[in-house]
């Protein structure tokens, strides 16, 4: 990753930061602590291993969001809960100006599983991390670079509920199409780069700070 001359200074390898999801109304959704792998002020690669404590969201009665009927999913109040990043570890690539981040999913034994293109609206950096707004619509790209859209039904409901605008959803889908073209051409980030990644064994699991300091 090469940064333009006017890029802001980045974080150092091993630093901790927060990958923070904001909502359209300015409130905070999920927060994922991450450890910096490399950063040049514009492009960031960070690591969120399985077992990392995160800030998740649920319904006030404790149900998970996906337990709610689709038609109600984006019109229901959510509350913060302490949760855990489960099952797979993720390496995440974020460019400041891009309406997506690319996540490498790794099995518990370190085997690369697949790429996940999380379509997101970039909201900039702050002293403790990066802010993004989840675009709901996503892409899954397999090791063979076959791809599929994910959560198209949820994106339609988010639009109907006013969580996304039509212009935003159009731009998110266009970003997905751009990433599909890269995957089909086996171009970075779908060219095998980072698929053999192993974290520094001395790195502890990223920590979740006092939430009053980051919301």
N, C-alpha and C. Protein backbone atom coordinates (compact mmCIF):
# COMPACT_ATOMS: atom_id res chain seq x y z
N UNK A 1 0.85 -1.18 0.00
CA UNK A 1 0.00 0.00 0.00
C UNK A 1 0.89 1.24 0.00
N UNK A 2 0.66 2.14 -0.91
CA UNK A 2 1.43 3.37 -0.93
C UNK A 2 0.51 4.54 -0.65
N UNK A 3 0.97 5.47 0.17
CA UNK A 3 0.15 6.59 0.58
C UNK A 3 0.53 7.84 -0.19
N UNK A 4 -0.42 8.74 -0.51
CA UNK A 4 -0.07 10.00 -1.13
C UNK A 4 0.70 10.86 -0.15
N UNK A 5 1.37 11.87 -0.69
CA UNK A 5 2.28 12.67 0.13
C UNK A 5 1.56 13.38 1.27
N UNK A 6 0.25 13.67 1.09
CA UNK A 6 -0.45 14.41 2.13
C UNK A 6 -1.20 13.50 3.10
N UNK A 7 -0.92 12.21 3.07
CA UNK A 7 -1.59 11.29 4.00
C UNK A 7 -1.27 11.63 5.45
N UNK A 8 -2.23 11.41 6.31
CA UNK A 8 -1.98 11.59 7.74
C UNK A 8 -1.13 10.45 8.27
N UNK A 9 -0.37 10.71 9.30
CA UNK A 9 0.43 9.62 9.89
C UNK A 9 -0.46 8.48 10.32
N UNK A 10 0.04 7.27 10.21
CA UNK A 10 -0.74 6.11 10.58
C UNK A 10 -0.32 5.54 11.92
N UNK A 11 -0.95 4.44 12.28
CA UNK A 11 -0.60 3.71 13.49
C UNK A 11 0.58 2.79 13.22
N UNK A 12 1.21 2.33 14.29
CA UNK A 12 2.36 1.44 14.17
C UNK A 12 1.91 -0.02 14.31
N UNK A 13 2.64 -0.95 13.70
CA UNK A 13 2.31 -2.36 13.87
C UNK A 13 2.26 -2.74 15.35
N UNK A 14 1.22 -3.46 15.72
CA UNK A 14 1.04 -3.88 17.11
C UNK A 14 0.15 -2.95 17.92
N UNK A 15 -0.08 -1.71 17.43
CA UNK A 15 -0.97 -0.80 18.15
C UNK A 15 -2.38 -1.37 18.18
N UNK A 16 -3.13 -0.99 19.19
CA UNK A 16 -4.54 -1.34 19.26
C UNK A 16 -5.39 -0.17 18.81
N UNK A 17 -6.51 -0.46 18.15
CA UNK A 17 -7.47 0.57 17.78
C UNK A 17 -8.86 -0.03 17.86
N UNK A 18 -9.85 0.82 17.65
CA UNK A 18 -11.24 0.38 17.66
C UNK A 18 -11.86 0.56 16.28
N UNK A 19 -12.44 -0.51 15.79
CA UNK A 19 -13.20 -0.50 14.54
C UNK A 19 -14.64 -0.26 14.96
N UNK A 20 -15.09 0.97 14.75
CA UNK A 20 -16.36 1.40 15.35
C UNK A 20 -17.41 1.65 14.26
N UNK A 21 -18.57 1.04 14.44
CA UNK A 21 -19.66 1.22 13.47
C UNK A 21 -20.63 2.27 14.00
N UNK A 22 -20.87 3.28 13.18
CA UNK A 22 -21.84 4.33 13.50
C UNK A 22 -23.12 4.10 12.72
N UNK A 23 -24.20 4.68 13.21
CA UNK A 23 -25.48 4.62 12.52
C UNK A 23 -25.78 5.97 11.86
N UNK A 24 -26.82 5.98 11.03
CA UNK A 24 -27.17 7.20 10.30
C UNK A 24 -27.53 8.35 11.24
N UNK A 25 -28.05 8.02 12.43
CA UNK A 25 -28.43 9.08 13.37
C UNK A 25 -27.27 9.54 14.25
N UNK A 26 -26.07 9.00 14.00
CA UNK A 26 -24.89 9.40 14.76
C UNK A 26 -24.60 8.55 15.96
N UNK A 27 -25.50 7.64 16.32
CA UNK A 27 -25.26 6.77 17.47
C UNK A 27 -24.27 5.67 17.10
N UNK A 28 -23.75 4.99 18.11
CA UNK A 28 -22.76 3.94 17.90
C UNK A 28 -23.41 2.57 17.93
N UNK A 29 -23.03 1.72 16.99
CA UNK A 29 -23.49 0.35 16.97
C UNK A 29 -22.41 -0.56 17.56
N UNK A 30 -21.95 -1.52 16.79
CA UNK A 30 -20.92 -2.43 17.28
C UNK A 30 -19.55 -1.76 17.32
N UNK A 31 -18.70 -2.26 18.23
CA UNK A 31 -17.32 -1.80 18.34
C UNK A 31 -16.43 -3.04 18.42
N UNK A 32 -15.45 -3.12 17.53
CA UNK A 32 -14.55 -4.26 17.48
C UNK A 32 -13.12 -3.81 17.75
N UNK A 33 -12.52 -4.18 18.86
CA UNK A 33 -11.10 -3.89 19.07
C UNK A 33 -10.26 -4.67 18.05
N UNK A 34 -9.20 -4.05 17.58
CA UNK A 34 -8.34 -4.67 16.56
C UNK A 34 -6.89 -4.30 16.83
N UNK A 35 -6.00 -5.10 16.27
CA UNK A 35 -4.57 -4.83 16.38
C UNK A 35 -4.01 -4.50 14.99
N UNK A 36 -3.22 -3.45 14.92
CA UNK A 36 -2.69 -2.98 13.65
C UNK A 36 -1.62 -3.93 13.13
N UNK A 37 -1.75 -4.30 11.85
CA UNK A 37 -0.72 -5.06 11.17
C UNK A 37 0.17 -4.12 10.37
N UNK A 38 -0.45 -3.24 9.59
CA UNK A 38 0.30 -2.24 8.84
C UNK A 38 -0.65 -1.08 8.55
N UNK A 39 -0.10 0.13 8.49
CA UNK A 39 -0.91 1.31 8.22
C UNK A 39 -0.02 2.39 7.64
N UNK A 40 -0.49 3.03 6.58
CA UNK A 40 0.28 4.12 6.00
C UNK A 40 -0.47 5.44 6.06
N UNK A 41 -1.52 5.51 6.88
CA UNK A 41 -2.28 6.73 7.01
C UNK A 41 -3.49 6.78 6.09
N UNK A 42 -3.49 5.92 5.09
CA UNK A 42 -4.59 5.86 4.14
C UNK A 42 -5.17 4.45 4.08
N UNK A 43 -4.28 3.47 3.98
CA UNK A 43 -4.70 2.07 3.97
C UNK A 43 -4.28 1.38 5.25
N UNK A 44 -5.23 0.71 5.89
CA UNK A 44 -5.01 0.06 7.17
C UNK A 44 -5.30 -1.43 7.04
N UNK A 45 -4.41 -2.26 7.58
CA UNK A 45 -4.68 -3.69 7.74
C UNK A 45 -4.66 -3.97 9.24
N UNK A 46 -5.74 -4.56 9.76
CA UNK A 46 -5.81 -4.83 11.19
C UNK A 46 -6.35 -6.23 11.43
N UNK A 47 -6.16 -6.72 12.64
CA UNK A 47 -6.41 -8.11 13.00
C UNK A 47 -7.41 -8.18 14.15
N UNK A 48 -8.49 -8.93 13.95
CA UNK A 48 -9.49 -9.19 15.00
C UNK A 48 -9.59 -10.70 15.17
N UNK A 49 -8.89 -11.27 16.15
CA UNK A 49 -8.91 -12.72 16.32
C UNK A 49 -10.20 -13.20 16.98
N UNK A 50 -10.53 -14.45 16.72
CA UNK A 50 -11.66 -15.07 17.40
C UNK A 50 -11.44 -14.99 18.91
N UNK A 51 -12.50 -14.73 19.64
CA UNK A 51 -12.41 -14.61 21.09
C UNK A 51 -12.25 -13.19 21.58
N UNK A 52 -12.09 -12.22 20.65
CA UNK A 52 -11.96 -10.82 21.04
C UNK A 52 -13.27 -10.31 21.65
N UNK A 53 -13.18 -9.66 22.79
CA UNK A 53 -14.37 -9.05 23.40
C UNK A 53 -14.78 -7.84 22.56
N UNK A 54 -16.06 -7.75 22.22
CA UNK A 54 -16.57 -6.65 21.41
C UNK A 54 -17.80 -6.04 22.08
N UNK A 55 -18.20 -4.89 21.58
CA UNK A 55 -19.51 -4.35 21.91
C UNK A 55 -20.46 -4.81 20.82
N UNK A 56 -21.45 -5.60 21.20
CA UNK A 56 -22.47 -6.05 20.26
C UNK A 56 -23.78 -5.32 20.52
N UNK A 57 -24.79 -5.65 19.74
CA UNK A 57 -26.11 -5.06 19.94
C UNK A 57 -27.17 -6.17 19.95
N UNK A 58 -28.14 -5.99 20.79
CA UNK A 58 -29.29 -6.90 20.87
C UNK A 58 -30.55 -6.10 21.12
N UNK A 59 -31.67 -6.80 21.11
CA UNK A 59 -32.92 -6.17 21.50
C UNK A 59 -32.94 -6.01 23.02
N UNK A 60 -33.73 -5.08 23.52
CA UNK A 60 -33.80 -4.89 24.97
C UNK A 60 -34.18 -6.17 25.73
N UNK A 61 -34.91 -7.10 25.08
CA UNK A 61 -35.29 -8.34 25.76
C UNK A 61 -34.22 -9.42 25.64
N UNK A 62 -33.07 -9.09 25.04
CA UNK A 62 -31.96 -10.03 24.96
C UNK A 62 -31.86 -10.81 23.67
N UNK A 63 -32.86 -10.72 22.81
CA UNK A 63 -32.80 -11.45 21.55
C UNK A 63 -31.76 -10.83 20.61
N UNK A 64 -31.17 -11.71 19.80
CA UNK A 64 -30.26 -11.24 18.77
C UNK A 64 -31.06 -10.64 17.61
N UNK A 65 -30.40 -9.76 16.86
CA UNK A 65 -31.10 -9.05 15.79
C UNK A 65 -31.68 -10.02 14.76
N UNK A 66 -30.94 -11.07 14.44
CA UNK A 66 -31.43 -12.00 13.41
C UNK A 66 -32.56 -12.89 13.91
N UNK A 67 -32.90 -12.78 15.21
CA UNK A 67 -34.06 -13.50 15.72
C UNK A 67 -35.35 -12.71 15.49
N UNK A 68 -35.22 -11.48 14.99
CA UNK A 68 -36.37 -10.61 14.77
C UNK A 68 -36.85 -10.80 13.33
N UNK A 69 -38.16 -10.84 13.08
CA UNK A 69 -38.65 -10.92 11.70
C UNK A 69 -38.04 -9.80 10.85
N UNK A 70 -37.73 -10.13 9.61
CA UNK A 70 -37.02 -9.20 8.74
C UNK A 70 -37.71 -7.85 8.64
N UNK A 71 -39.01 -7.85 8.55
CA UNK A 71 -39.75 -6.60 8.39
C UNK A 71 -39.61 -5.67 9.59
N UNK A 72 -39.22 -6.22 10.74
CA UNK A 72 -39.08 -5.41 11.96
C UNK A 72 -37.62 -5.12 12.31
N UNK A 73 -36.71 -5.72 11.59
CA UNK A 73 -35.31 -5.77 12.02
C UNK A 73 -34.66 -4.38 12.12
N UNK A 74 -35.04 -3.46 11.26
CA UNK A 74 -34.39 -2.15 11.23
C UNK A 74 -35.27 -1.05 11.84
N UNK A 75 -36.37 -1.47 12.41
CA UNK A 75 -37.26 -0.51 13.08
C UNK A 75 -37.34 -0.79 14.57
N UNK A 76 -36.50 -1.68 15.06
CA UNK A 76 -36.53 -2.10 16.46
C UNK A 76 -35.36 -1.50 17.21
N UNK A 77 -35.62 -1.00 18.40
CA UNK A 77 -34.56 -0.40 19.21
C UNK A 77 -33.54 -1.46 19.63
N UNK A 78 -32.28 -1.09 19.63
CA UNK A 78 -31.21 -2.00 20.02
C UNK A 78 -30.44 -1.42 21.21
N UNK A 79 -29.88 -2.31 21.99
CA UNK A 79 -29.08 -1.88 23.13
C UNK A 79 -27.71 -2.54 23.03
N UNK A 80 -26.73 -1.93 23.68
CA UNK A 80 -25.37 -2.47 23.67
C UNK A 80 -25.23 -3.60 24.69
N UNK A 81 -24.46 -4.61 24.30
CA UNK A 81 -24.12 -5.70 25.21
C UNK A 81 -22.64 -6.04 25.00
N UNK A 82 -22.02 -6.53 26.06
CA UNK A 82 -20.67 -7.06 25.91
C UNK A 82 -20.78 -8.43 25.26
N UNK A 83 -20.04 -8.63 24.18
CA UNK A 83 -20.16 -9.85 23.40
C UNK A 83 -18.77 -10.33 23.02
N UNK A 84 -18.69 -11.25 22.10
CA UNK A 84 -17.42 -11.83 21.71
C UNK A 84 -17.42 -12.09 20.21
N UNK A 85 -16.27 -11.80 19.56
CA UNK A 85 -16.10 -12.15 18.16
C UNK A 85 -15.84 -13.66 18.09
N UNK A 86 -16.74 -14.39 17.44
CA UNK A 86 -16.73 -15.85 17.51
C UNK A 86 -16.27 -16.51 16.22
N UNK A 87 -15.93 -17.74 16.34
CA UNK A 87 -15.71 -18.73 15.27
C UNK A 87 -14.46 -18.47 14.44
N UNK A 88 -14.43 -17.38 13.68
CA UNK A 88 -13.30 -17.16 12.78
C UNK A 88 -12.54 -15.89 13.18
N UNK A 89 -11.24 -15.89 12.86
CA UNK A 89 -10.44 -14.68 13.01
C UNK A 89 -10.48 -13.91 11.70
N UNK A 90 -10.34 -12.58 11.78
CA UNK A 90 -10.43 -11.77 10.57
C UNK A 90 -9.26 -10.81 10.46
N UNK A 91 -8.72 -10.75 9.26
CA UNK A 91 -7.77 -9.71 8.88
C UNK A 91 -8.56 -8.74 8.02
N UNK A 92 -8.48 -7.45 8.33
CA UNK A 92 -9.34 -6.48 7.65
C UNK A 92 -8.51 -5.41 6.96
N UNK A 93 -8.84 -5.14 5.71
CA UNK A 93 -8.20 -4.10 4.92
C UNK A 93 -9.18 -2.96 4.72
N UNK A 94 -8.77 -1.76 5.13
CA UNK A 94 -9.65 -0.59 5.05
C UNK A 94 -8.88 0.54 4.38
N UNK A 95 -9.42 1.04 3.27
CA UNK A 95 -8.90 2.27 2.67
C UNK A 95 -9.84 3.41 3.02
N UNK A 96 -9.27 4.54 3.38
CA UNK A 96 -10.05 5.67 3.88
C UNK A 96 -11.21 6.05 2.97
N UNK A 97 -10.98 6.07 1.66
CA UNK A 97 -11.99 6.59 0.75
C UNK A 97 -12.94 5.53 0.22
N UNK A 98 -12.70 4.27 0.51
CA UNK A 98 -13.47 3.18 -0.10
C UNK A 98 -14.75 2.88 0.68
N UNK A 99 -15.80 2.56 -0.07
CA UNK A 99 -17.08 2.19 0.53
C UNK A 99 -17.15 0.69 0.79
N UNK A 100 -16.05 0.14 1.19
CA UNK A 100 -16.01 -1.27 1.56
C UNK A 100 -14.76 -1.52 2.38
N UNK A 101 -14.75 -2.60 3.11
CA UNK A 101 -13.52 -3.16 3.66
C UNK A 101 -13.50 -4.63 3.26
N UNK A 102 -12.32 -5.18 3.14
CA UNK A 102 -12.19 -6.59 2.76
C UNK A 102 -11.66 -7.35 3.96
N UNK A 103 -12.36 -8.42 4.33
CA UNK A 103 -12.00 -9.23 5.48
C UNK A 103 -11.55 -10.61 5.01
N UNK A 104 -10.39 -11.03 5.46
CA UNK A 104 -9.94 -12.41 5.26
C UNK A 104 -10.42 -13.23 6.45
N UNK A 105 -11.16 -14.29 6.23
CA UNK A 105 -11.63 -15.16 7.30
C UNK A 105 -10.68 -16.35 7.43
N UNK A 106 -10.27 -16.63 8.66
CA UNK A 106 -9.36 -17.74 8.94
C UNK A 106 -9.99 -18.71 9.92
N UNK A 107 -9.82 -20.00 9.64
CA UNK A 107 -10.29 -21.04 10.54
C UNK A 107 -9.44 -21.05 11.81
N UNK A 108 -9.90 -21.75 12.87
CA UNK A 108 -9.12 -21.79 14.11
C UNK A 108 -7.69 -22.29 13.94
N UNK A 109 -7.45 -23.16 12.93
CA UNK A 109 -6.09 -23.67 12.72
C UNK A 109 -5.25 -22.75 11.83
N UNK A 110 -5.81 -21.59 11.45
CA UNK A 110 -5.08 -20.64 10.62
C UNK A 110 -5.31 -20.78 9.13
N UNK A 111 -6.09 -21.77 8.71
CA UNK A 111 -6.36 -21.96 7.29
C UNK A 111 -7.28 -20.85 6.78
N UNK A 112 -6.93 -20.29 5.63
CA UNK A 112 -7.77 -19.27 5.01
C UNK A 112 -9.09 -19.89 4.56
N UNK A 113 -10.22 -19.25 4.92
CA UNK A 113 -11.54 -19.77 4.55
C UNK A 113 -12.08 -19.05 3.32
N UNK A 114 -12.20 -17.74 3.40
CA UNK A 114 -12.76 -16.97 2.28
C UNK A 114 -12.57 -15.48 2.55
N UNK A 115 -12.85 -14.69 1.53
CA UNK A 115 -12.91 -13.24 1.67
C UNK A 115 -14.35 -12.82 1.94
N UNK A 116 -14.50 -11.75 2.69
CA UNK A 116 -15.81 -11.17 2.96
C UNK A 116 -15.69 -9.68 2.68
N UNK A 117 -16.47 -9.19 1.75
CA UNK A 117 -16.45 -7.76 1.43
C UNK A 117 -17.58 -7.10 2.21
N UNK A 118 -17.20 -6.37 3.24
CA UNK A 118 -18.18 -5.67 4.08
C UNK A 118 -18.39 -4.29 3.47
N UNK A 119 -19.53 -4.09 2.84
CA UNK A 119 -19.80 -2.79 2.22
C UNK A 119 -20.14 -1.79 3.32
N UNK A 120 -19.43 -0.67 3.30
CA UNK A 120 -19.47 0.29 4.40
C UNK A 120 -19.36 1.72 3.86
N UNK A 121 -19.89 2.64 4.62
CA UNK A 121 -19.74 4.06 4.32
C UNK A 121 -18.62 4.60 5.19
N UNK A 122 -17.54 5.15 4.59
CA UNK A 122 -16.42 5.63 5.39
C UNK A 122 -16.76 6.92 6.12
N UNK A 123 -16.41 6.97 7.40
CA UNK A 123 -16.69 8.15 8.24
C UNK A 123 -15.42 8.74 8.84
N UNK A 124 -14.25 8.29 8.37
CA UNK A 124 -13.00 8.88 8.81
C UNK A 124 -12.37 8.20 10.00
N UNK A 125 -11.25 8.77 10.41
CA UNK A 125 -10.49 8.28 11.57
C UNK A 125 -10.67 9.22 12.74
N UNK A 126 -10.42 8.69 13.91
CA UNK A 126 -10.33 9.51 15.12
C UNK A 126 -9.13 8.98 15.89
N UNK A 127 -8.82 9.59 17.01
CA UNK A 127 -7.56 9.26 17.71
C UNK A 127 -7.49 7.79 18.11
N UNK A 128 -8.66 7.15 18.32
CA UNK A 128 -8.65 5.78 18.80
C UNK A 128 -8.98 4.72 17.78
N UNK A 129 -9.25 5.10 16.53
CA UNK A 129 -9.61 4.09 15.57
C UNK A 129 -10.25 4.64 14.31
N UNK A 130 -11.07 3.79 13.68
CA UNK A 130 -11.76 4.16 12.44
C UNK A 130 -13.26 4.05 12.66
N UNK A 131 -13.99 4.94 12.01
CA UNK A 131 -15.45 4.92 12.07
C UNK A 131 -15.99 4.56 10.69
N UNK A 132 -16.94 3.64 10.66
CA UNK A 132 -17.59 3.21 9.43
C UNK A 132 -19.09 3.08 9.69
N UNK A 133 -19.88 3.17 8.65
CA UNK A 133 -21.30 2.87 8.77
C UNK A 133 -21.58 1.63 7.95
N UNK A 134 -22.13 0.61 8.58
CA UNK A 134 -22.37 -0.65 7.89
C UNK A 134 -23.40 -0.46 6.79
N UNK A 135 -23.07 -0.96 5.60
CA UNK A 135 -23.97 -0.82 4.46
C UNK A 135 -24.97 -1.94 4.30
N UNK A 136 -24.97 -2.90 5.23
CA UNK A 136 -25.90 -4.03 5.28
C UNK A 136 -25.62 -5.02 4.15
N UNK A 137 -25.61 -4.56 2.90
CA UNK A 137 -25.32 -5.43 1.76
C UNK A 137 -23.84 -5.83 1.76
N UNK A 138 -23.56 -7.10 1.49
CA UNK A 138 -22.18 -7.59 1.53
C UNK A 138 -21.94 -8.56 0.38
N UNK A 139 -20.67 -8.98 0.26
CA UNK A 139 -20.26 -9.99 -0.73
C UNK A 139 -19.45 -11.06 -0.03
N UNK A 140 -19.63 -12.29 -0.44
CA UNK A 140 -18.76 -13.39 0.00
C UNK A 140 -18.01 -13.89 -1.23
N UNK A 141 -16.68 -13.97 -1.11
CA UNK A 141 -15.84 -14.43 -2.23
C UNK A 141 -15.05 -15.64 -1.75
N UNK A 142 -15.25 -16.78 -2.40
CA UNK A 142 -14.58 -18.00 -2.00
C UNK A 142 -13.13 -18.05 -2.46
N UNK A 143 -12.38 -19.01 -1.95
CA UNK A 143 -10.97 -19.15 -2.38
C UNK A 143 -10.82 -19.34 -3.88
N UNK A 144 -11.87 -19.88 -4.53
CA UNK A 144 -11.86 -20.04 -5.99
C UNK A 144 -12.33 -18.78 -6.70
N UNK A 145 -12.61 -17.73 -5.91
CA UNK A 145 -13.04 -16.41 -6.39
C UNK A 145 -14.45 -16.41 -6.97
N UNK A 146 -15.20 -17.45 -6.70
CA UNK A 146 -16.62 -17.38 -6.98
C UNK A 146 -17.27 -16.51 -5.91
N UNK A 147 -18.22 -15.71 -6.30
CA UNK A 147 -18.76 -14.72 -5.38
C UNK A 147 -20.29 -14.83 -5.32
N UNK A 148 -20.83 -14.28 -4.24
CA UNK A 148 -22.27 -14.19 -4.09
C UNK A 148 -22.61 -12.98 -3.24
N UNK A 149 -23.69 -12.31 -3.60
CA UNK A 149 -24.18 -11.22 -2.76
C UNK A 149 -24.75 -11.80 -1.46
N UNK A 150 -24.70 -11.02 -0.41
CA UNK A 150 -25.23 -11.44 0.88
C UNK A 150 -26.11 -10.32 1.45
N UNK A 151 -27.22 -10.72 2.05
CA UNK A 151 -28.11 -9.80 2.78
C UNK A 151 -28.79 -8.77 1.88
N UNK A 152 -29.11 -9.15 0.65
CA UNK A 152 -29.85 -8.22 -0.22
C UNK A 152 -31.23 -7.91 0.36
N UNK A 153 -31.86 -8.91 0.99
CA UNK A 153 -33.18 -8.68 1.58
C UNK A 153 -33.09 -7.70 2.74
N UNK A 154 -32.03 -7.81 3.54
CA UNK A 154 -31.85 -6.89 4.65
C UNK A 154 -31.59 -5.47 4.15
N UNK A 155 -30.83 -5.33 3.07
CA UNK A 155 -30.54 -4.01 2.52
C UNK A 155 -31.84 -3.32 2.09
N UNK A 156 -32.75 -4.09 1.49
CA UNK A 156 -34.03 -3.52 1.06
C UNK A 156 -34.84 -3.04 2.27
N UNK A 157 -34.81 -3.81 3.35
CA UNK A 157 -35.54 -3.40 4.56
C UNK A 157 -34.87 -2.19 5.23
N UNK A 158 -33.54 -2.14 5.22
CA UNK A 158 -32.83 -0.99 5.78
C UNK A 158 -33.19 0.28 5.01
N UNK A 159 -33.33 0.16 3.70
CA UNK A 159 -33.75 1.29 2.88
C UNK A 159 -35.17 1.71 3.25
N UNK A 160 -36.08 0.75 3.38
CA UNK A 160 -37.47 1.06 3.71
C UNK A 160 -37.60 1.71 5.07
N UNK A 161 -36.71 1.33 6.00
CA UNK A 161 -36.77 1.87 7.37
C UNK A 161 -36.02 3.19 7.51
N UNK A 162 -35.38 3.65 6.45
CA UNK A 162 -34.65 4.91 6.50
C UNK A 162 -33.26 4.80 7.08
N UNK A 163 -32.75 3.57 7.26
CA UNK A 163 -31.38 3.40 7.77
C UNK A 163 -30.34 3.70 6.69
N UNK A 164 -30.73 3.53 5.43
CA UNK A 164 -29.90 3.87 4.28
C UNK A 164 -30.75 4.67 3.30
N UNK A 165 -30.11 5.56 2.55
CA UNK A 165 -30.81 6.27 1.49
C UNK A 165 -30.65 5.51 0.18
N UNK A 166 -31.50 5.81 -0.78
CA UNK A 166 -31.40 5.16 -2.09
C UNK A 166 -30.06 5.47 -2.74
N UNK A 167 -29.58 6.70 -2.59
CA UNK A 167 -28.27 7.06 -3.17
C UNK A 167 -27.15 6.27 -2.52
N UNK A 168 -27.22 6.12 -1.19
CA UNK A 168 -26.19 5.35 -0.49
C UNK A 168 -26.20 3.89 -0.94
N UNK A 169 -27.39 3.31 -1.05
CA UNK A 169 -27.47 1.91 -1.44
C UNK A 169 -26.96 1.72 -2.87
N UNK A 170 -27.25 2.67 -3.76
CA UNK A 170 -26.74 2.60 -5.12
C UNK A 170 -25.22 2.63 -5.13
N UNK A 171 -24.65 3.51 -4.31
CA UNK A 171 -23.20 3.61 -4.28
C UNK A 171 -22.57 2.36 -3.65
N UNK A 172 -23.20 1.81 -2.64
CA UNK A 172 -22.70 0.58 -2.03
C UNK A 172 -22.74 -0.57 -3.03
N UNK A 173 -23.81 -0.67 -3.79
CA UNK A 173 -23.89 -1.74 -4.78
C UNK A 173 -22.84 -1.54 -5.88
N UNK A 174 -22.61 -0.29 -6.27
CA UNK A 174 -21.56 -0.02 -7.26
C UNK A 174 -20.19 -0.42 -6.73
N UNK A 175 -19.96 -0.18 -5.45
CA UNK A 175 -18.69 -0.60 -4.85
C UNK A 175 -18.59 -2.13 -4.86
N UNK A 176 -19.71 -2.80 -4.59
CA UNK A 176 -19.70 -4.25 -4.66
C UNK A 176 -19.37 -4.74 -6.07
N UNK A 177 -19.92 -4.09 -7.08
CA UNK A 177 -19.62 -4.47 -8.46
C UNK A 177 -18.14 -4.26 -8.77
N UNK A 178 -17.57 -3.19 -8.23
CA UNK A 178 -16.14 -2.95 -8.42
C UNK A 178 -15.30 -4.06 -7.81
N UNK A 179 -15.69 -4.51 -6.62
CA UNK A 179 -14.96 -5.58 -5.97
C UNK A 179 -15.15 -6.91 -6.68
N UNK A 180 -16.33 -7.14 -7.24
CA UNK A 180 -16.56 -8.35 -8.03
C UNK A 180 -15.61 -8.40 -9.21
N UNK A 181 -15.44 -7.28 -9.89
CA UNK A 181 -14.54 -7.23 -11.04
C UNK A 181 -13.11 -7.56 -10.63
N UNK A 182 -12.68 -7.06 -9.47
CA UNK A 182 -11.33 -7.38 -8.98
C UNK A 182 -11.21 -8.86 -8.66
N UNK A 183 -12.24 -9.43 -8.04
CA UNK A 183 -12.20 -10.84 -7.70
C UNK A 183 -12.14 -11.71 -8.95
N UNK A 184 -12.97 -11.40 -9.93
CA UNK A 184 -13.00 -12.20 -11.15
C UNK A 184 -11.67 -12.13 -11.91
N UNK A 185 -10.97 -11.00 -11.76
CA UNK A 185 -9.68 -10.83 -12.42
C UNK A 185 -8.51 -11.30 -11.55
N UNK A 186 -8.82 -11.80 -10.34
CA UNK A 186 -7.80 -12.24 -9.38
C UNK A 186 -6.79 -11.14 -9.10
N UNK A 187 -7.30 -9.93 -9.00
CA UNK A 187 -6.46 -8.77 -8.68
C UNK A 187 -6.56 -8.45 -7.20
N UNK A 188 -5.55 -7.75 -6.68
CA UNK A 188 -5.55 -7.38 -5.27
C UNK A 188 -6.87 -6.69 -4.93
N UNK A 189 -7.46 -7.04 -3.81
CA UNK A 189 -6.95 -7.88 -2.71
C UNK A 189 -7.28 -9.38 -2.84
N UNK A 190 -7.71 -9.81 -4.04
CA UNK A 190 -8.11 -11.20 -4.24
C UNK A 190 -7.05 -11.99 -5.02
N UNK A 191 -5.80 -11.60 -4.87
CA UNK A 191 -4.71 -12.23 -5.62
C UNK A 191 -3.90 -13.20 -4.78
N UNK A 192 -4.36 -13.49 -3.57
CA UNK A 192 -3.62 -14.39 -2.69
C UNK A 192 -2.84 -13.67 -1.60
N UNK A 193 -2.70 -12.34 -1.74
CA UNK A 193 -2.01 -11.57 -0.71
C UNK A 193 -2.71 -11.74 0.64
N UNK A 194 -1.93 -11.95 1.68
CA UNK A 194 -2.39 -12.08 3.06
C UNK A 194 -3.08 -13.42 3.36
N UNK A 195 -3.27 -14.28 2.38
CA UNK A 195 -3.99 -15.53 2.65
C UNK A 195 -3.20 -16.47 3.56
N UNK A 196 -1.89 -16.26 3.65
CA UNK A 196 -1.05 -17.08 4.54
C UNK A 196 -0.67 -16.31 5.81
N UNK A 197 -1.44 -15.27 6.12
CA UNK A 197 -1.11 -14.42 7.28
C UNK A 197 -1.13 -15.20 8.58
N UNK A 198 -0.13 -14.91 9.42
CA UNK A 198 -0.10 -15.40 10.79
C UNK A 198 0.23 -14.22 11.68
N UNK A 199 -0.53 -13.99 12.73
CA UNK A 199 -0.25 -12.85 13.61
C UNK A 199 1.02 -13.07 14.41
N UNK A 200 1.61 -11.99 14.87
CA UNK A 200 2.75 -12.07 15.77
C UNK A 200 2.33 -12.87 17.01
N UNK A 201 3.02 -13.95 17.32
CA UNK A 201 2.60 -14.79 18.46
C UNK A 201 2.71 -14.09 19.80
N UNK A 202 3.41 -12.96 19.85
CA UNK A 202 3.54 -12.23 21.12
C UNK A 202 2.36 -11.27 21.34
N UNK A 203 1.51 -11.08 20.32
CA UNK A 203 0.40 -10.15 20.46
C UNK A 203 -0.69 -10.72 21.36
N UNK A 204 -1.07 -10.01 22.40
CA UNK A 204 -2.25 -10.43 23.16
C UNK A 204 -3.52 -10.10 22.39
N UNK A 205 -4.61 -10.70 22.78
CA UNK A 205 -5.90 -10.40 22.17
C UNK A 205 -6.22 -8.92 22.38
N UNK A 206 -6.69 -8.22 21.34
CA UNK A 206 -7.06 -6.80 21.51
C UNK A 206 -8.07 -6.65 22.65
N UNK A 207 -7.95 -5.54 23.37
CA UNK A 207 -8.76 -5.35 24.56
C UNK A 207 -9.87 -4.35 24.33
N UNK A 208 -10.96 -4.55 25.02
CA UNK A 208 -12.11 -3.65 24.95
C UNK A 208 -12.02 -2.64 26.10
N UNK A 209 -11.88 -1.34 25.79
CA UNK A 209 -11.71 -0.34 26.85
C UNK A 209 -13.04 0.00 27.52
N UNK A 210 -12.95 0.90 28.48
CA UNK A 210 -14.14 1.43 29.13
C UNK A 210 -15.02 2.08 28.05
N UNK A 211 -16.22 1.58 27.92
CA UNK A 211 -17.07 2.03 26.83
C UNK A 211 -17.46 3.50 26.93
N UNK A 212 -17.45 4.03 28.12
CA UNK A 212 -17.80 5.45 28.28
C UNK A 212 -16.81 6.33 27.54
N UNK A 213 -15.61 5.82 27.26
CA UNK A 213 -14.58 6.63 26.61
C UNK A 213 -14.69 6.59 25.09
N UNK A 214 -15.47 5.69 24.54
CA UNK A 214 -15.43 5.51 23.08
C UNK A 214 -16.77 5.68 22.38
N UNK A 215 -17.85 5.87 23.08
CA UNK A 215 -19.14 6.01 22.42
C UNK A 215 -19.40 7.44 22.00
